[in-house]
Amino acid sequence: MAYPRPVQALREAIGAIRGLLNGEEVTFQGETITVQSARMVGPTASVPISIGSRSPQVMRLAGELADIALVGGRLIDEHTTQQYFSWLAEGAQRTGRDVAAIDVAPRLTLCVSRDGNLARSSLKRYVAHYAQLIRPADLVERDGGTWMAAIEASLSRSTGWYFDHDRYDDPELDLLIDDDLVRRFAIAGTPDECAELAREVLALGFTSASMNLAAPRRDSMYLGLKETLENSAEVLSILRR
């Protein structure tokens, strides 16, 4: 669904929602939304507002208004992280906020297995999808542009959502997506490997993380999710040491 003036709509919605959560009666006539004498029914509380996006404009809005900023770019490296923090700082400056007061969390895809190779191979379709969606310059230019063309062709031959258990992944993806590329877009491997990768991401300046759990490809989705959930607990235990 397309929204006219999406950043303004989000700004106005956050203002109204924050007032409702604080127990206020909200009347608001904005450019994109209208609220008339609205009040929450039942308990109210000060709930942290999270804003997540890959958009520069929305990340600046997060710097202005959010308690938590979720970096949704999937591709997490030093250059990309600096860009997101720059946008947040610009937004915070508009309202005189201290950007350090904002909890900044990357949106990370986590796939954990005792079989590290299985965990990484299970995410190759996902990585290919975001590589062609985000289109980092070095990947667009790889092999004179033929690599990205091959990725797009391979994805067109694949079927289903990239996390569906019964999806079909074109076999060429195994050749096109190597382990180094998986590490750029996700945290995948054994518990020890994933803990080390998570530490590297957090060291870029993030204060927490939002985890999207992905299942290693097993005989059923249940078995895959059970495996990644159990092993994710070990990753968290390692990180807390």
Protein backbone atom coordinates (compact mmCIF):
# COMPACT_ATOMS: atom_id res chain seq x y z
CA MET A 1 0.00 0.00 0.00
CA ALA A 2 1.38 3.40 -0.98
CA TYR A 3 1.03 6.25 1.49
CA PRO A 4 1.15 9.90 0.47
CA ARG A 5 3.91 11.69 2.37
CA PRO A 6 4.98 8.58 4.33
CA VAL A 7 7.46 10.36 6.62
CA GLN A 8 4.89 12.98 7.61
CA ALA A 9 2.29 10.26 8.15
CA LEU A 10 4.69 8.39 10.43
CA ARG A 11 5.56 11.59 12.32
CA GLU A 12 1.90 12.37 12.98
CA ALA A 13 1.01 8.79 13.89
CA ILE A 14 3.84 8.61 16.43
CA GLY A 15 2.70 11.83 18.06
CA ALA A 16 -0.86 10.56 18.40
CA ILE A 17 0.15 7.07 19.56
CA ARG A 18 2.57 8.43 22.17
CA GLY A 19 -0.16 10.63 23.60
CA LEU A 20 -2.60 7.72 23.76
CA LEU A 21 -0.06 5.47 25.46
CA ASN A 22 0.58 8.20 28.03
CA GLY A 23 -3.12 8.22 28.93
CA GLU A 24 -3.93 11.53 27.27
CA GLU A 25 -7.09 12.38 25.37
CA VAL A 26 -5.84 13.04 21.86
CA THR A 27 -7.41 15.40 19.38
CA PHE A 28 -5.27 16.03 16.34
CA GLN A 29 -5.85 17.39 12.86
CA GLY A 30 -2.77 16.72 10.78
CA GLU A 31 -1.86 16.73 7.14
CA THR A 32 -2.24 12.95 6.87
CA ILE A 33 -4.26 11.75 9.88
CA THR A 34 -7.12 13.01 12.03
CA VAL A 35 -7.81 11.93 15.61
CA GLN A 36 -10.84 13.24 17.50
CA SER A 37 -11.21 12.91 21.28
CA ALA A 38 -9.46 9.53 21.38
CA ARG A 39 -8.31 7.85 24.56
CA MET A 40 -6.89 4.42 25.40
CA VAL A 41 -9.27 2.01 27.11
CA GLY A 42 -7.57 0.17 29.94
CA PRO A 43 -4.08 0.49 31.39
CA THR A 44 -1.67 3.00 29.88
CA ALA A 45 2.08 3.17 30.19
CA SER A 46 5.06 4.95 28.75
CA VAL A 47 6.00 2.52 25.97
CA PRO A 48 9.27 3.02 24.06
CA ILE A 49 8.68 3.97 20.43
CA SER A 50 10.77 2.08 17.88
CA ILE A 51 11.32 3.21 14.30
CA GLY A 52 13.02 0.92 11.82
CA SER A 53 13.91 1.61 8.22
CA ARG A 54 16.52 1.66 5.47
CA SER A 55 15.34 5.14 4.46
CA PRO A 56 17.51 8.19 5.24
CA GLN A 57 14.41 10.33 5.84
CA VAL A 58 12.87 7.85 8.26
CA MET A 59 16.15 7.37 10.12
CA ARG A 60 16.36 11.15 10.57
CA LEU A 61 12.82 11.01 11.95
CA ALA A 62 13.98 8.30 14.34
CA GLY A 63 16.69 10.68 15.50
CA GLU A 64 13.99 13.26 16.24
CA LEU A 65 11.36 11.08 17.90
CA ALA A 66 12.30 7.46 18.55
CA ASP A 67 13.41 5.82 21.75
CA ILE A 68 14.80 2.91 19.70
CA ALA A 69 16.14 3.09 16.15
CA LEU A 70 16.20 -0.19 14.23
CA VAL A 71 18.70 -0.22 11.39
CA GLY A 72 16.91 -2.28 8.77
CA GLY A 73 19.53 -2.40 6.05
CA ARG A 74 20.48 -6.08 6.46
CA LEU A 75 23.93 -5.17 5.13
CA ILE A 76 25.87 -4.22 8.26
CA ASP A 77 29.43 -2.99 7.79
CA GLU A 78 31.44 -0.03 9.05
CA HIS A 79 30.59 2.28 6.14
CA THR A 80 26.87 1.50 6.23
CA THR A 81 26.72 1.84 10.00
CA GLN A 82 28.41 5.25 9.93
CA GLN A 83 25.84 6.41 7.38
CA TYR A 84 22.92 5.34 9.58
CA PHE A 85 24.42 7.01 12.65
CA SER A 86 24.95 10.17 10.61
CA TRP A 87 21.27 10.26 9.65
CA LEU A 88 20.24 9.68 13.26
CA ALA A 89 22.51 12.49 14.45
CA GLU A 90 21.03 14.88 11.88
CA GLY A 91 17.53 14.11 13.14
CA ALA A 92 18.52 14.42 16.79
CA GLN A 93 20.12 17.79 16.11
CA ARG A 94 16.83 19.13 14.74
CA THR A 95 15.18 18.73 18.14
CA GLY A 96 18.21 19.25 20.37
CA ARG A 97 18.35 15.62 21.43
CA ASP A 98 21.46 13.74 22.48
CA VAL A 99 21.80 10.98 19.89
CA ALA A 100 23.52 8.86 22.55
CA ALA A 101 20.16 8.63 24.35
CA ILE A 102 18.72 6.62 21.46
CA ASP A 103 19.01 2.84 21.65
CA VAL A 104 20.32 1.83 18.20
CA ALA A 105 19.87 -1.78 17.13
CA PRO A 106 20.70 -3.49 13.85
CA ARG A 107 18.16 -5.87 12.35
CA LEU A 108 20.17 -9.09 12.16
CA THR A 109 19.27 -12.42 10.63
CA LEU A 110 20.59 -15.22 12.83
CA CYS A 111 20.91 -18.85 11.74
CA VAL A 112 22.69 -21.12 14.22
CA SER A 113 23.57 -24.79 13.89
CA ARG A 114 26.23 -27.18 15.14
CA ASP A 115 26.83 -27.58 11.41
CA GLY A 116 28.15 -24.13 10.52
CA ASN A 117 28.27 -24.88 6.80
CA LEU A 118 24.59 -25.86 6.84
CA ALA A 119 23.66 -22.62 8.61
CA ARG A 120 25.50 -20.53 6.03
CA SER A 121 24.18 -22.45 3.03
CA SER A 122 20.62 -22.14 4.37
CA LEU A 123 20.86 -18.35 4.00
CA LYS A 124 22.28 -18.11 0.48
CA ARG A 125 18.88 -17.44 -1.10
CA TYR A 126 18.19 -14.75 1.53
CA VAL A 127 21.59 -13.14 0.91
CA ALA A 128 21.05 -13.16 -2.85
CA HIS A 129 17.66 -11.47 -2.39
CA TYR A 130 19.09 -8.61 -0.34
CA ALA A 131 22.19 -8.29 -2.49
CA GLN A 132 20.04 -7.55 -5.55
CA LEU A 133 17.63 -5.40 -3.51
CA ILE A 134 20.20 -3.20 -1.73
CA ARG A 135 22.72 -3.38 -4.58
CA PRO A 136 26.00 -2.38 -2.89
CA ALA A 137 28.29 -0.71 -5.42
CA ASP A 138 31.01 -3.35 -5.18
CA LEU A 139 28.52 -6.12 -5.91
CA VAL A 140 26.90 -4.25 -8.78
CA GLU A 141 30.35 -3.83 -10.34
CA ARG A 142 31.61 -7.35 -9.56
CA ASP A 143 32.87 -9.14 -12.67
CA GLY A 144 31.89 -6.18 -14.80
CA GLY A 145 28.25 -6.44 -13.78
CA THR A 146 27.85 -10.06 -14.85
CA TRP A 147 27.71 -11.32 -11.24
CA MET A 148 24.64 -9.24 -10.40
CA ALA A 149 22.99 -10.29 -13.66
CA ALA A 150 23.63 -13.92 -12.74
CA ILE A 151 22.14 -13.36 -9.27
CA GLU A 152 18.99 -11.85 -10.77
CA ALA A 153 18.67 -14.71 -13.25
CA SER A 154 19.16 -17.30 -10.51
CA LEU A 155 16.55 -15.65 -8.30
CA SER A 156 14.08 -15.63 -11.19
CA ARG A 157 14.47 -19.41 -11.40
CA SER A 158 13.90 -19.83 -7.66
CA THR A 159 10.41 -20.12 -6.22
CA GLY A 160 8.75 -19.39 -2.87
CA TRP A 161 9.80 -17.02 -0.12
CA TYR A 162 13.46 -17.20 0.83
CA PHE A 163 12.61 -18.68 4.27
CA ASP A 164 9.86 -21.08 3.16
CA HIS A 165 10.66 -24.68 4.01
CA ASP A 166 9.35 -25.94 0.66
CA ARG A 167 10.99 -23.22 -1.44
CA TYR A 168 13.11 -24.02 -4.46
CA ASP A 169 16.57 -22.40 -4.56
CA ASP A 170 18.29 -22.39 -7.92
CA PRO A 171 21.50 -24.47 -7.54
CA GLU A 172 23.63 -21.72 -9.08
CA LEU A 173 23.18 -19.69 -5.88
CA ASP A 174 25.56 -22.08 -4.13
CA LEU A 175 28.29 -20.99 -6.53
CA LEU A 176 27.42 -17.28 -6.63
CA ILE A 177 27.11 -16.70 -2.86
CA ASP A 178 30.21 -17.54 -0.83
CA ASP A 179 30.67 -17.59 2.95
CA ASP A 180 32.22 -14.11 3.02
CA LEU A 181 29.12 -12.68 1.38
CA VAL A 182 26.85 -14.49 3.83
CA ARG A 183 28.79 -12.83 6.66
CA ARG A 184 28.10 -9.39 5.18
CA PHE A 185 24.34 -9.88 5.32
CA ALA A 186 23.73 -12.26 8.23
CA ILE A 187 25.08 -13.99 11.30
CA ALA A 188 25.28 -17.68 10.50
CA GLY A 189 27.36 -20.59 11.73
CA THR A 190 28.03 -22.48 14.93
CA PRO A 191 27.19 -20.87 18.30
CA ASP A 192 30.82 -19.80 18.79
CA GLU A 193 31.05 -18.40 15.25
CA CYS A 194 27.78 -16.50 15.63
CA ALA A 195 28.80 -15.03 18.99
CA GLU A 196 32.03 -13.73 17.48
CA LEU A 197 30.20 -12.23 14.49
CA ALA A 198 27.65 -10.60 16.82
CA ARG A 199 30.46 -9.05 18.88
CA GLU A 200 31.95 -7.58 15.70
CA VAL A 201 28.61 -5.99 14.80
CA LEU A 202 27.96 -4.60 18.28
CA ALA A 203 31.47 -3.13 18.31
CA LEU A 204 30.41 -0.82 15.47
CA GLY A 205 28.55 1.26 18.07
CA PHE A 206 25.19 -0.46 18.49
CA THR A 207 23.66 -0.68 21.95
CA SER A 208 21.42 -3.72 21.33
CA ALA A 209 20.25 -5.92 18.48
CA SER A 210 17.01 -7.06 16.89
CA MET A 211 17.25 -10.71 15.87
CA ASN A 212 15.36 -12.32 13.02
CA LEU A 213 15.76 -16.08 13.51
CA ALA A 214 16.17 -18.25 10.42
CA ALA A 215 15.96 -22.03 10.34
CA PRO A 216 18.70 -24.28 9.01
CA ARG A 217 17.23 -26.46 6.26
CA ARG A 218 16.17 -29.67 7.94
CA ASP A 219 13.46 -32.25 7.22
CA SER A 220 10.82 -29.92 8.65
CA MET A 221 10.48 -26.26 9.57
CA TYR A 222 9.85 -27.36 13.16
CA LEU A 223 13.21 -29.11 13.39
CA GLY A 224 15.04 -26.19 11.79
CA LEU A 225 13.49 -23.56 14.05
CA LYS A 226 13.98 -25.74 17.14
CA GLU A 227 17.65 -26.05 16.23
CA THR A 228 18.23 -22.34 15.72
CA LEU A 229 16.26 -21.42 18.87
CA GLU A 230 18.21 -23.80 21.08
CA ASN A 231 21.54 -22.75 19.64
CA SER A 232 20.62 -19.04 19.78
CA ALA A 233 20.29 -19.42 23.53
CA GLU A 234 23.89 -20.59 23.60
CA VAL A 235 24.95 -17.59 21.50
CA LEU A 236 23.34 -15.24 24.02
CA SER A 237 24.99 -17.09 26.89
CA ILE A 238 28.40 -16.65 25.26
CA LEU A 239 27.77 -12.94 24.66
CA ARG A 240 26.87 -12.39 28.32
CA ARG A 241 30.17 -13.78 29.60
